Amino acid sequence: MAQSRSFFSFHAQQYLRTFTYTGIALAPGLLTVAALAVSSAAGAETLEQALVAAFARNPSLQGNRDLVRAAGEDVVQAKAAFGPTLEAEARHAFTAARIRGAPPPAQDSGFATSAQLTLSQPLFTSGSLSANLDAARAAALAERERVRAAGQKLILDVVDAYVSLQRDIELHGVALEIHRLLRQQRDATASRYRLRDATAPDLDQTVNRLELAAARVIAARSAVEASAARYRNLVGTYPDRLATPPALPAPPQLDALYAAAETHNPALAAAKYAEARSRAVLGAARARMRPQVRAFATVARDPLTPYQNTLREESVSAGISLTMPIYTGGQLSAAVREAMDRNLADQQFTEQVRRDVRESLAADWSVLRATTEAMPRYDTAVRAAESAVEGVRQQERSGIRTLRDVLDVTNDLLTARTEAAQTRAEMYLRQIAVLRDAGLLDIGMFAPALIGKPES
């Protein structure tokens, strides 16, 4: 199957050239970066399409949605406990008995059938049923927040895989371009060496830089394959071409993000609901130590003796029962203390989640601000390095600059383009991370057709 092949073999029809690195031939499967990097090409896979595929096929998200439906059934069960219950019981049994020690000895045996229908309705439970319902509702809401968190994490993961693959393809192209420039320089130096216009150390120095560039191309290709494998894991298929991801709205200021996270962050909301559930469980544990009142009615049909069905007794009874534990050996008190400690623990866990959210938000905001400020400088550095490479190479041919100057400025171009590609990807990812930390990340930003899917 196509999906079982590697990323490069999957796109083998696009990678038909063989690159030769100073005598080392690489396979035709080597990536043709231009084929994948063109965002305007027809048929390019968009980020929206990747997210639609991930939301349709991701097993982790589907599992979380199943847990939400299961938690909803717990609420249905808790509500049903307020209503009446009707139980039917029928029994058909064989009984054999013998009386000893009194004359004359007696013995009897036979089959008998009995039936009973019981109706029960709780009237007063000291808040036990209400507490159970509150606990079930809180648990269901916590599961909904967890599936929302899973949806936001999936969005972040897919965007990360998408942008990282684009970045690594671009870096592979940068490595190829630097290798091409150094190969040209190696060829020029070799020609000059044959004319005795360059020395052997000059040629060795150029070959050294060329071999390092070839190794970087191989490493860059490996990075592309690793990123493509992660993309396939999340989306389900390898991409053909990747379109430029859509622009995102500018995030609010940090103080506004802190306020939004307190209300919208799903991890924090799930922790709050977990604390509410344990508080309700504490109430239910206390209610079990108090009176319970219920109404009942019973209709029964029983044989007069357990050995025959000829003579039967039919009865109807109805009434109200009051039950209250008097002594349980400390079992109920221990249950209350356990529930109290668990609720205190959930309060502490909620505060820790709040601190973690604020830390993540502050860190991602700081990186986003830094990359946003640095990106124009990297773009300027790339333009300057490109101009410098061309100028220094011309000066080197004229004898004004040395070979070392050419190699150094080529390395500067590699550094500038690499940093620019990495910073551009990091800036986009941090925008997504900031929105996720604040709980504002929504699938509708990328795929309007999937609005509401994380919660469904």
Protein backbone atom coordinates (compact mmCIF):
# COMPACT_ATOMS: atom_id res chain seq x y z
CA MET A 1 0.00 0.00 0.00
CA ALA A 2 1.14 3.56 -0.62
CA GLN A 3 0.87 4.48 3.04
CA SER A 4 3.33 1.78 4.05
CA ARG A 5 6.12 3.28 1.96
CA SER A 6 8.52 5.97 3.08
CA PHE A 7 7.79 9.63 2.41
CA PHE A 8 10.38 9.82 -0.34
CA SER A 9 9.32 6.63 -2.11
CA PHE A 10 5.68 7.75 -1.79
CA HIS A 11 6.61 10.81 -3.87
CA ALA A 12 9.17 9.05 -6.03
CA GLN A 13 7.58 10.37 -9.20
CA GLN A 14 8.59 13.86 -8.08
CA TYR A 15 12.17 12.98 -7.18
CA LEU A 16 13.77 11.81 -10.40
CA ARG A 17 17.15 13.49 -10.21
CA THR A 18 20.37 12.03 -8.85
CA PHE A 19 22.59 14.40 -6.91
CA THR A 20 26.31 13.70 -6.87
CA TYR A 21 28.36 14.95 -3.96
CA THR A 22 32.03 14.94 -4.87
CA GLY A 23 31.83 11.42 -6.18
CA ILE A 24 29.06 10.17 -3.82
CA ALA A 25 25.84 9.53 -5.76
CA LEU A 26 22.57 9.73 -3.84
CA ALA A 27 19.55 7.72 -4.85
CA PRO A 28 16.89 9.11 -7.21
CA GLY A 29 14.50 9.17 -4.22
CA LEU A 30 16.17 12.36 -2.96
CA LEU A 31 13.68 15.10 -2.30
CA THR A 32 13.00 17.68 -4.96
CA VAL A 33 12.17 20.48 -2.57
CA ALA A 34 10.69 22.74 -5.17
CA ALA A 35 7.99 20.20 -5.98
CA LEU A 36 6.69 20.16 -2.42
CA ALA A 37 7.40 23.71 -1.38
CA VAL A 38 5.35 25.44 -4.07
CA SER A 39 2.29 26.58 -2.14
CA SER A 40 0.45 27.94 -5.15
CA ALA A 41 0.54 24.69 -7.11
CA ALA A 42 -2.74 23.02 -7.93
CA GLY A 43 -3.65 20.16 -5.65
CA ALA A 44 -1.63 21.42 -2.67
CA GLU A 45 -2.82 19.99 0.62
CA THR A 46 -4.03 22.74 2.92
CA LEU A 47 -3.89 22.88 6.68
CA GLU A 48 -7.69 22.71 6.72
CA GLN A 49 -7.62 19.42 4.81
CA ALA A 50 -4.99 18.02 7.17
CA LEU A 51 -7.10 18.94 10.20
CA VAL A 52 -10.27 17.50 8.67
CA ALA A 53 -8.46 14.21 8.04
CA ALA A 54 -6.95 14.16 11.53
CA PHE A 55 -10.28 14.83 13.25
CA ALA A 56 -11.93 12.09 11.21
CA ARG A 57 -9.27 9.44 11.80
CA ASN A 58 -7.49 10.19 15.06
CA PRO A 59 -8.18 7.27 17.44
CA SER A 60 -7.23 9.19 20.60
CA LEU A 61 -9.82 11.89 19.92
CA GLN A 62 -12.45 9.28 19.07
CA GLY A 63 -11.73 7.51 22.35
CA ASN A 64 -12.20 10.74 24.29
CA ARG A 65 -15.54 11.31 22.58
CA ASP A 66 -16.62 7.82 23.63
CA LEU A 67 -15.75 8.71 27.23
CA VAL A 68 -17.95 11.81 26.98
CA ARG A 69 -20.91 9.69 25.91
CA ALA A 70 -20.20 7.22 28.71
CA ALA A 71 -20.14 10.04 31.26
CA GLY A 72 -23.47 11.27 29.91
CA GLU A 73 -24.98 7.88 30.68
CA ASP A 74 -23.79 8.25 34.28
CA VAL A 75 -25.92 11.40 34.50
CA VAL A 76 -28.92 9.51 33.14
CA GLN A 77 -28.43 6.82 35.80
CA ALA A 78 -28.14 9.42 38.57
CA LYS A 79 -31.38 11.08 37.46
CA ALA A 80 -33.17 7.73 37.26
CA ALA A 81 -32.35 7.07 40.91
CA PHE A 82 -34.89 9.77 41.87
CA GLY A 83 -37.75 7.82 40.31
CA PRO A 84 -39.54 4.61 41.28
CA THR A 85 -38.14 1.15 40.75
CA LEU A 86 -40.25 -1.90 40.00
CA GLU A 87 -38.86 -5.38 40.58
CA ALA A 88 -40.41 -8.76 39.84
CA GLU A 89 -39.29 -12.03 41.35
CA ALA A 90 -40.52 -15.56 40.60
CA ARG A 91 -39.31 -18.76 42.22
CA HIS A 92 -39.96 -22.42 41.54
CA ALA A 93 -38.20 -24.80 43.95
CA PHE A 94 -38.21 -28.40 45.13
CA THR A 95 -38.18 -28.92 48.89
CA ALA A 96 -37.74 -32.18 50.84
CA ALA A 97 -38.03 -32.26 54.66
CA ARG A 98 -38.02 -34.97 57.36
CA ILE A 99 -38.95 -34.52 61.03
CA ARG A 100 -37.04 -36.70 63.49
CA GLY A 101 -37.22 -37.24 67.27
CA ALA A 102 -40.99 -37.12 67.67
CA PRO A 103 -43.38 -40.03 67.03
CA PRO A 104 -44.62 -40.63 64.51
CA PRO A 105 -41.79 -39.59 62.09
CA ALA A 106 -42.92 -37.15 59.35
CA GLN A 107 -41.59 -36.61 55.88
CA ASP A 108 -42.78 -34.41 53.02
CA SER A 109 -41.45 -33.17 49.66
CA GLY A 110 -42.66 -31.40 46.55
CA PHE A 111 -42.46 -28.42 44.20
CA ALA A 112 -43.81 -24.95 44.95
CA THR A 113 -43.95 -21.70 42.98
CA SER A 114 -43.98 -18.16 44.38
CA ALA A 115 -44.03 -14.70 42.73
CA GLN A 116 -43.58 -11.16 44.02
CA LEU A 117 -43.80 -7.66 42.55
CA THR A 118 -42.23 -4.76 44.48
CA LEU A 119 -42.53 -1.01 43.84
CA SER A 120 -40.16 1.35 45.66
CA GLN A 121 -39.90 5.15 45.62
CA PRO A 122 -37.29 7.19 47.54
CA LEU A 123 -38.91 10.06 49.43
CA PHE A 124 -36.06 11.53 51.45
CA THR A 125 -32.36 10.64 51.14
CA SER A 126 -30.71 13.42 53.17
CA GLY A 127 -29.30 14.81 49.92
CA SER A 128 -27.65 11.58 48.82
CA LEU A 129 -29.34 11.39 45.41
CA SER A 130 -28.78 15.09 44.71
CA ALA A 131 -25.12 14.74 45.59
CA ASN A 132 -24.77 11.73 43.30
CA LEU A 133 -26.39 13.68 40.48
CA ASP A 134 -24.09 16.66 41.06
CA ALA A 135 -21.08 14.32 41.01
CA ALA A 136 -22.21 12.71 37.75
CA ARG A 137 -22.82 16.07 36.10
CA ALA A 138 -19.42 17.37 37.21
CA ALA A 139 -17.74 14.22 35.90
CA ALA A 140 -19.52 14.58 32.55
CA LEU A 141 -18.49 18.23 32.27
CA ALA A 142 -14.91 17.30 33.15
CA GLU A 143 -14.91 14.72 30.35
CA ARG A 144 -16.22 17.30 27.91
CA GLU A 145 -13.38 19.63 28.88
CA ARG A 146 -10.90 16.79 28.47
CA VAL A 147 -12.15 16.05 24.97
CA ARG A 148 -11.94 19.80 24.22
CA ALA A 149 -8.36 19.74 25.49
CA ALA A 150 -7.68 16.69 23.32
CA GLY A 151 -9.13 18.51 20.33
CA GLN A 152 -6.97 21.57 20.95
CA LYS A 153 -3.91 19.38 21.43
CA LEU A 154 -4.67 17.61 18.16
CA ILE A 155 -4.94 20.97 16.39
CA LEU A 156 -1.59 22.01 17.85
CA ASP A 157 0.02 18.68 16.96
CA VAL A 158 -1.27 18.73 13.37
CA VAL A 159 -0.17 22.34 12.88
CA ASP A 160 3.20 21.46 14.40
CA ALA A 161 3.60 18.49 12.05
CA TYR A 162 2.44 20.54 9.06
CA VAL A 163 4.67 23.54 9.73
CA SER A 164 7.63 21.38 10.81
CA LEU A 165 7.44 19.40 7.57
CA GLN A 166 7.34 22.64 5.59
CA ARG A 167 10.30 23.94 7.60
CA ASP A 168 12.36 20.78 7.09
CA ILE A 169 11.60 20.77 3.36
CA GLU A 170 12.77 24.38 3.21
CA LEU A 171 15.90 23.55 5.21
CA HIS A 172 16.60 20.65 2.85
CA GLY A 173 16.34 23.10 -0.03
CA VAL A 174 18.71 25.47 1.76
CA ALA A 175 21.20 22.65 2.25
CA LEU A 176 20.95 21.73 -1.44
CA GLU A 177 21.46 25.33 -2.50
CA ILE A 178 24.51 25.75 -0.27
CA HIS A 179 25.88 22.47 -1.64
CA ARG A 180 25.34 23.74 -5.19
CA LEU A 181 27.20 26.98 -4.45
CA LEU A 182 30.08 25.13 -2.83
CA ARG A 183 30.24 22.62 -5.69
CA GLN A 184 30.54 25.50 -8.12
CA GLN A 185 33.27 26.96 -5.95
CA ARG A 186 35.01 23.56 -5.79
CA ASP A 187 34.88 23.25 -9.59
CA ALA A 188 36.25 26.76 -10.04
CA THR A 189 39.03 26.14 -7.54
CA ALA A 190 39.88 22.83 -9.20
CA SER A 191 40.13 24.57 -12.58
CA ARG A 192 42.39 27.23 -11.13
CA TYR A 193 44.47 24.54 -9.44
CA ARG A 194 45.01 22.83 -12.78
CA LEU A 195 46.19 26.19 -14.15
CA ARG A 196 48.42 26.56 -11.04
CA ASP A 197 46.45 29.66 -10.00
CA ALA A 198 45.37 27.98 -6.73
CA THR A 199 47.18 25.82 -4.21
CA ALA A 200 46.42 22.32 -2.96
CA PRO A 201 45.36 23.67 0.47
CA ASP A 202 42.86 25.93 -1.34
CA LEU A 203 41.36 22.91 -3.07
CA ASP A 204 41.36 20.85 0.14
CA GLN A 205 39.62 23.63 2.02
CA THR A 206 36.92 23.84 -0.63
CA VAL A 207 36.44 20.06 -0.68
CA ASN A 208 36.18 20.09 3.13
CA ARG A 209 33.34 22.60 3.03
CA LEU A 210 31.68 20.70 0.18
CA GLU A 211 31.74 17.39 2.05
CA LEU A 212 30.27 19.05 5.14
CA ALA A 213 27.53 20.49 2.94
CA ALA A 214 26.83 17.03 1.50
CA ALA A 215 26.49 15.63 5.01
CA ARG A 216 24.06 18.43 5.89
CA VAL A 217 21.93 17.52 2.86
CA ILE A 218 21.75 13.91 4.04
CA ALA A 219 20.84 14.99 7.57
CA ALA A 220 18.22 17.41 6.21
CA ARG A 221 16.67 14.63 4.15
CA SER A 222 16.46 12.44 7.27
CA ALA A 223 14.73 15.28 9.11
CA VAL A 224 12.15 15.58 6.31
CA GLU A 225 11.43 11.86 6.45
CA ALA A 226 11.01 11.98 10.25
CA SER A 227 8.65 14.96 10.00
CA ALA A 228 6.68 13.24 7.24
CA ALA A 229 6.31 10.13 9.40
CA ARG A 230 4.92 12.22 12.25
CA TYR A 231 2.56 13.94 9.83
CA ARG A 232 1.28 10.59 8.59
CA ASN A 233 0.79 9.39 12.17
CA LEU A 234 -1.50 12.33 12.91
CA VAL A 235 -3.25 12.82 9.58
CA GLY A 236 -3.27 9.27 8.26
CA THR A 237 -1.55 9.83 4.90
CA TYR A 238 1.59 11.41 3.50
CA PRO A 239 1.05 14.85 1.96
CA ASP A 240 1.50 15.59 -1.71
CA ARG A 241 2.18 19.30 -1.57
CA LEU A 242 1.77 21.63 1.37
CA ALA A 243 0.06 24.98 0.95
CA THR A 244 1.04 28.01 2.98
CA PRO A 245 -0.86 27.90 6.31
CA PRO A 246 -3.46 30.62 6.81
CA ALA A 247 -2.65 33.79 8.68
CA LEU A 248 -3.77 33.92 12.31
CA PRO A 249 -5.28 36.88 14.14
CA ALA A 250 -2.97 38.74 16.46
CA PRO A 251 -3.37 37.37 20.01
CA PRO A 252 -4.52 39.66 22.84
CA GLN A 253 -2.11 41.09 25.38
CA LEU A 254 -0.74 38.83 28.08
CA ASP A 255 -3.05 40.09 30.86
CA ALA A 256 -6.09 39.45 28.69
CA LEU A 257 -4.76 35.98 27.89
CA TYR A 258 -4.39 35.21 31.61
CA ALA A 259 -8.03 36.21 32.15
CA ALA A 260 -9.16 34.14 29.17
CA ALA A 261 -7.25 31.10 30.40
CA GLU A 262 -8.98 31.27 33.78
CA THR A 263 -12.32 30.92 32.01
CA HIS A 264 -11.61 28.98 28.82
CA ASN A 265 -8.56 26.75 29.33
CA PRO A 266 -9.96 23.19 29.16
CA ALA A 267 -7.32 21.65 31.43
CA LEU A 268 -8.08 24.17 34.16
CA ALA A 269 -11.83 23.78 33.64
CA ALA A 270 -11.51 19.98 33.87
CA ALA A 271 -9.58 20.34 37.14
CA LYS A 272 -12.31 22.62 38.52
CA TYR A 273 -15.01 20.12 37.57
CA ALA A 274 -12.99 17.30 39.12
CA GLU A 275 -12.90 19.29 42.37
CA ALA A 276 -16.66 19.88 42.13
CA ARG A 277 -17.20 16.15 41.65
CA SER A 278 -15.14 15.20 44.71
CA ARG A 279 -17.04 17.85 46.71
CA ALA A 280 -20.32 16.24 45.65
CA VAL A 281 -18.97 12.79 46.55
CA LEU A 282 -18.16 14.19 50.02
CA GLY A 283 -21.77 15.32 50.33
CA ALA A 284 -23.00 11.88 49.32
CA ALA A 285 -20.74 10.21 51.89
CA ARG A 286 -22.15 12.43 54.64
CA ALA A 287 -25.73 11.75 53.49
CA ARG A 288 -25.23 8.01 53.91
CA MET A 289 -24.86 8.58 57.65
CA ARG A 290 -28.31 10.21 57.84
CA PRO A 291 -31.92 8.97 57.60
CA GLN A 292 -33.28 7.53 54.38
CA VAL A 293 -37.06 7.38 53.79
CA ARG A 294 -38.78 5.46 51.02
CA ALA A 295 -42.27 4.29 50.12
CA PHE A 296 -42.92 0.74 49.02
CA ALA A 297 -45.69 -1.53 47.82
CA THR A 298 -45.54 -5.28 47.37
CA VAL A 299 -47.85 -7.76 45.68
CA ALA A 300 -47.05 -11.42 46.44
CA ARG A 301 -48.39 -14.89 45.69
CA ASP A 302 -46.95 -17.71 47.82
CA PRO A 303 -47.91 -21.35 48.55
CA LEU A 304 -49.07 -22.15 52.08
CA THR A 305 -46.44 -24.88 52.29
CA PRO A 306 -43.21 -25.26 50.31
CA TYR A 307 -44.28 -28.68 49.04
CA GLN A 308 -47.31 -27.89 46.84
CA ASN A 309 -49.06 -25.24 44.75
CA THR A 310 -52.67 -26.25 45.51
CA LEU A 311 -53.21 -23.90 48.45
CA ARG A 312 -51.86 -20.36 47.88
CA GLU A 313 -51.75 -17.07 49.71
CA GLU A 314 -52.10 -13.77 47.83
CA SER A 315 -51.11 -10.57 49.66
CA VAL A 316 -50.70 -6.83 49.11
CA SER A 317 -48.65 -4.61 51.40
CA ALA A 318 -47.71 -0.93 51.24
CA GLY A 319 -45.98 1.47 53.56
CA ILE A 320 -43.09 3.78 54.35
CA SER A 321 -39.74 2.67 55.68
CA LEU A 322 -37.13 4.70 57.55
CA THR A 323 -33.55 3.48 57.69
CA MET A 324 -30.54 5.03 59.37
CA PRO A 325 -27.18 3.47 60.22
CA ILE A 326 -26.52 3.38 63.98
CA TYR A 327 -23.20 1.62 64.12
CA THR A 328 -20.99 0.54 61.21
CA GLY A 329 -17.64 0.04 62.92
CA GLY A 330 -16.35 3.38 61.63
CA GLN A 331 -16.85 2.50 57.97
CA LEU A 332 -19.03 5.48 57.09
CA SER A 333 -16.87 7.92 59.07
CA ALA A 334 -13.78 6.67 57.25
CA ALA A 335 -15.57 7.12 53.93
CA VAL A 336 -16.34 10.74 54.84
CA ARG A 337 -12.73 11.41 55.79
CA GLU A 338 -11.53 9.79 52.57
CA ALA A 339 -13.89 11.92 50.47
CA MET A 340 -12.79 15.05 52.35
CA ASP A 341 -9.11 14.34 51.73
CA ARG A 342 -9.74 13.65 48.06
CA ASN A 343 -11.56 16.95 47.73
CA LEU A 344 -8.70 18.80 49.42
CA ALA A 345 -6.29 17.08 47.02
CA ASP A 346 -8.39 18.16 44.03
CA GLN A 347 -8.30 21.74 45.28
CA GLN A 348 -4.51 21.60 45.35
CA PHE A 349 -4.37 19.95 41.94
CA THR A 350 -6.58 22.71 40.52
CA GLU A 351 -4.22 25.37 41.83
CA GLN A 352 -1.24 23.53 40.35
CA VAL A 353 -2.95 23.31 36.96
CA ARG A 354 -3.65 27.06 37.16
CA ARG A 355 0.05 27.72 37.81
CA ASP A 356 1.11 25.38 35.01
CA VAL A 357 -1.23 27.13 32.57
CA ARG A 358 0.11 30.54 33.50
CA GLU A 359 3.68 29.32 33.17
CA SER A 360 3.06 27.81 29.72
CA LEU A 361 1.23 30.93 28.61
CA ALA A 362 4.02 33.23 29.79
CA ALA A 363 6.72 31.09 28.17
CA ASP A 364 4.92 30.77 24.83
CA TRP A 365 4.07 34.48 24.81
CA SER A 366 7.71 35.36 25.45
CA VAL A 367 8.94 33.15 22.62
CA LEU A 368 6.24 34.48 20.30
CA ARG A 369 7.22 38.07 21.04
CA ALA A 370 10.92 37.26 20.53
CA THR A 371 10.39 35.46 17.22
CA THR A 372 8.07 38.19 15.96
CA GLU A 373 10.70 40.83 16.68
CA ALA A 374 13.55 38.70 15.27
CA MET A 375 11.88 37.58 12.04
CA PRO A 376 12.36 40.88 10.09
CA ARG A 377 16.01 40.90 11.11
CA TYR A 378 16.53 37.37 9.81
CA ASP A 379 14.85 38.32 6.52
CA THR A 380 17.21 41.27 6.23
CA ALA A 381 20.15 39.03 7.09
CA VAL A 382 19.19 36.58 4.31
CA ARG A 383 18.99 39.32 1.71
CA ALA A 384 22.31 40.74 2.84
CA ALA A 385 23.97 37.30 2.81
CA GLU A 386 22.68 36.54 -0.69
CA SER A 387 24.07 39.82 -1.96
CA ALA A 388 27.33 39.27 -0.10
CA VAL A 389 27.86 35.80 -1.59
CA GLU A 390 27.53 37.09 -5.12
CA GLY A 391 29.72 40.12 -4.47
CA VAL A 392 32.48 38.27 -2.63
CA ARG A 393 32.64 35.56 -5.31
CA GLN A 394 33.15 38.23 -7.98
CA GLN A 395 35.79 39.93 -5.84
CA GLU A 396 37.53 36.60 -5.28
CA ARG A 397 37.73 36.03 -9.03
CA SER A 398 39.24 39.51 -9.35
CA GLY A 399 41.80 38.76 -6.65
CA ILE A 400 40.41 41.25 -4.11
CA ARG A 401 39.05 38.57 -1.73
CA THR A 402 40.43 35.22 -0.72
CA LEU A 403 38.87 31.78 -1.01
CA ARG A 404 38.33 31.76 2.73
CA ASP A 405 36.20 34.89 2.41
CA VAL A 406 33.98 33.10 -0.14
CA LEU A 407 33.59 30.06 2.08
CA ASP A 408 32.83 32.16 5.14
CA VAL A 409 30.18 34.26 3.44
CA THR A 410 28.59 31.09 2.01
CA ASN A 411 28.43 29.69 5.52
CA ASP A 412 26.85 32.97 6.66
CA LEU A 413 24.14 32.49 4.02
CA LEU A 414 23.49 28.96 5.31
CA THR A 415 23.17 30.25 8.87
CA ALA A 416 20.87 33.13 7.90
CA ARG A 417 18.51 30.98 5.83
CA THR A 418 18.43 28.23 8.45
CA GLU A 419 17.65 30.64 11.27
CA ALA A 420 15.00 32.38 9.16
CA ALA A 421 13.22 29.12 8.32
CA GLN A 422 13.32 27.89 11.91
CA THR A 423 12.16 31.22 13.34
CA ARG A 424 9.30 31.50 10.84
CA ALA A 425 8.02 28.06 11.81
CA GLU A 426 8.50 28.71 15.52
CA MET A 427 6.62 32.00 15.32
CA TYR A 428 3.58 30.33 13.74
CA LEU A 429 3.63 27.46 16.22
CA ARG A 430 3.87 29.81 19.20
CA GLN A 431 0.83 31.71 17.95
CA ILE A 432 -1.08 28.42 18.04
CA ALA A 433 0.39 27.52 21.45
CA VAL A 434 -0.61 30.86 22.98
CA LEU A 435 -4.18 30.42 21.77
CA ARG A 436 -4.20 26.85 23.11
CA ASP A 437 -2.87 27.95 26.51
CA ALA A 438 -5.58 30.58 26.78
CA GLY A 439 -8.25 28.09 25.70
CA LEU A 440 -9.08 30.18 22.62
CA LEU A 441 -7.85 27.73 19.99
CA ASP A 442 -10.77 26.55 17.89
CA ILE A 443 -11.00 24.30 14.86
CA GLY A 444 -13.20 26.93 13.19
CA MET A 445 -10.09 29.09 12.73
CA PHE A 446 -8.91 26.61 10.10
CA ALA A 447 -11.84 24.39 9.14
CA PRO A 448 -15.30 26.00 9.55
CA ALA A 449 -16.94 22.68 8.63
CA LEU A 450 -15.63 21.15 11.88
CA ILE A 451 -16.86 23.81 14.29
CA GLY A 452 -17.91 22.10 17.51
CA LYS A 453 -16.31 18.76 16.65
CA PRO A 454 -13.92 18.62 19.64
CA GLU A 455 -16.87 18.66 21.99
CA SER A 456 -19.15 16.36 20.01
